[in-house]
Protein backbone atom coordinates (compact mmCIF):
# COMPACT_ATOMS: atom_id res chain seq x y z
CA MET A 1 172.69 88.55 42.41
CA LEU A 2 174.51 87.25 39.37
CA SER A 3 172.53 86.81 36.27
CA VAL A 4 173.36 83.78 34.13
CA ASP A 5 171.78 83.27 30.78
CA PRO A 6 169.85 80.01 30.29
CA PHE A 7 172.46 78.58 27.92
CA GLN A 8 175.25 78.99 30.48
CA GLU A 9 173.01 77.57 33.19
CA ARG A 10 172.40 74.43 31.11
CA GLU A 11 176.13 74.07 30.48
CA ILE A 12 176.90 74.39 34.18
CA MET A 13 174.22 71.83 35.09
CA ALA A 14 175.49 69.44 32.40
CA LEU A 15 179.00 69.78 33.80
CA TRP A 16 177.81 69.10 37.36
CA ASN A 17 175.76 66.09 36.19
CA ARG A 18 178.78 64.69 34.34
CA LEU A 19 180.98 65.21 37.41
CA ARG A 20 178.43 63.46 39.63
CA GLN A 21 178.21 60.51 37.19
CA GLU A 22 181.99 60.13 37.11
CA LEU A 23 182.23 60.28 40.90
CA ASP A 24 179.49 57.64 41.18
CA ARG A 25 181.32 55.42 38.68
CA ALA A 26 184.62 55.85 40.53
CA GLY A 27 182.89 54.97 43.80
CA ARG A 28 181.42 51.80 42.28
CA VAL A 29 184.78 50.74 40.86
CA ALA A 30 186.43 51.33 44.25
CA GLN A 31 183.72 49.25 45.96
CA TYR A 32 184.21 46.45 43.40
CA ALA A 33 187.97 46.53 44.04
CA PHE A 34 187.36 46.34 47.78
CA ASP A 35 184.95 43.42 47.33
CA GLU A 36 187.43 41.63 45.08
CA GLY A 37 190.21 42.09 47.63
CA ARG A 38 188.02 40.70 50.40
CA LEU A 39 187.17 37.66 48.24
CA ARG A 40 190.83 37.08 47.40
CA LEU A 41 191.66 37.18 51.10
CA ASP A 42 188.91 34.62 51.76
CA LEU A 43 190.31 32.51 48.90
CA HIS A 44 193.78 32.65 50.45
CA ARG A 45 192.39 31.57 53.83
CA SER A 46 190.52 28.69 52.18
CA ARG A 47 193.70 27.51 50.49
CA GLN A 48 195.52 27.64 53.81
CA SER A 49 192.74 25.60 55.38
CA ALA A 50 192.96 22.98 52.62
CA ASP A 51 196.72 22.81 53.12
CA ARG A 52 196.25 22.26 56.86
CA PHE A 53 193.76 19.44 56.20
CA ALA A 54 196.17 17.80 53.76
CA GLN A 55 198.99 18.19 56.27
CA ARG A 56 196.87 16.54 58.97
CA LEU A 57 196.18 13.62 56.63
CA GLY A 58 199.88 13.27 55.97
CA TYR A 59 200.68 13.31 59.67
CA ALA A 60 197.93 10.77 60.38
CA VAL A 61 199.33 8.40 57.74
CA TYR A 62 202.86 8.91 59.06
CA ARG A 63 201.86 8.26 62.66
CA ALA A 64 199.83 5.19 61.73
CA ARG A 65 202.76 3.74 59.80
CA GLN A 66 205.14 4.57 62.61
CA GLY A 67 202.87 2.50 64.84
CA GLY A 68 203.08 -0.40 62.38
CA ALA A 69 199.58 -0.02 60.92
CA ASP A 70 197.77 1.72 58.15
CA LEU A 71 195.35 4.57 58.53
CA THR A 72 191.86 3.28 59.19
CA ALA A 73 189.22 3.72 56.49
CA ASP A 74 187.13 5.88 58.79
CA ALA A 75 190.05 8.17 59.62
CA TYR A 76 190.96 8.43 55.93
CA ALA A 77 187.34 9.20 55.01
CA ALA A 78 187.17 11.97 57.62
CA HIS A 79 190.39 13.58 56.35
CA ALA A 80 189.33 13.19 52.72
CA SER A 81 185.95 14.77 53.47
CA ASN A 82 187.62 17.79 55.06
CA ILE A 83 189.92 18.21 52.07
CA ALA A 84 187.05 17.86 49.59
CA ALA A 85 185.00 20.48 51.46
CA ALA A 86 187.97 22.85 51.52
CA GLU A 87 188.55 22.36 47.78
CA ALA A 88 184.88 23.08 47.09
CA GLU A 89 185.19 26.29 49.09
CA ILE A 90 188.30 27.23 47.11
CA ALA A 91 186.44 26.69 43.83
CA ARG A 92 183.54 28.84 45.07
CA PHE A 93 185.84 31.69 46.12
CA GLU A 94 187.78 31.46 42.83
CA ALA A 95 184.54 31.85 40.88
CA LEU A 96 183.39 34.76 43.06
CA ALA A 97 186.79 36.48 42.79
CA ALA A 98 186.81 36.08 39.01
CA GLU A 99 183.32 37.55 38.82
CA ALA A 100 184.34 40.45 41.06
CA ALA A 101 187.44 41.11 38.94
CA LYS A 102 185.33 41.17 35.79
CA LYS A 103 182.85 43.55 37.42
CA ARG A 104 185.71 45.82 38.52
CA ARG A 105 187.27 45.85 35.06
CA THR A 106 184.00 46.67 33.33
CA GLY A 107 182.98 49.16 35.97
CA GLY A 108 179.80 47.19 36.65
CA ALA A 109 178.46 47.80 33.14
CA SER A 110 176.81 44.38 33.08
CA GLU A 111 174.97 45.23 36.30
CA ALA A 112 172.78 48.00 34.89
């Protein structure tokens, strides 16, 4: 059996503890990056949804005018409500993505 003096043993343990801390930190940063990517994907999907709702409104107005009328107030309200909800979702995902980016950049230091 190898004999290690207590000073060397402390140095080895300190080195292993430091390595474990750095690996834990790297794992947290990787998880934050993954979470941020997922939020940015959700944000992209929300923007696409808002674009589809706006496109549907445009088509509804076009079709109504092609038929010689204007879009009814109820139809407009329904389209506008969908767009407003989609924009609220976009704002929520933007805030969450910004928070996740900040957490990734700081390595979660504000979380401790």
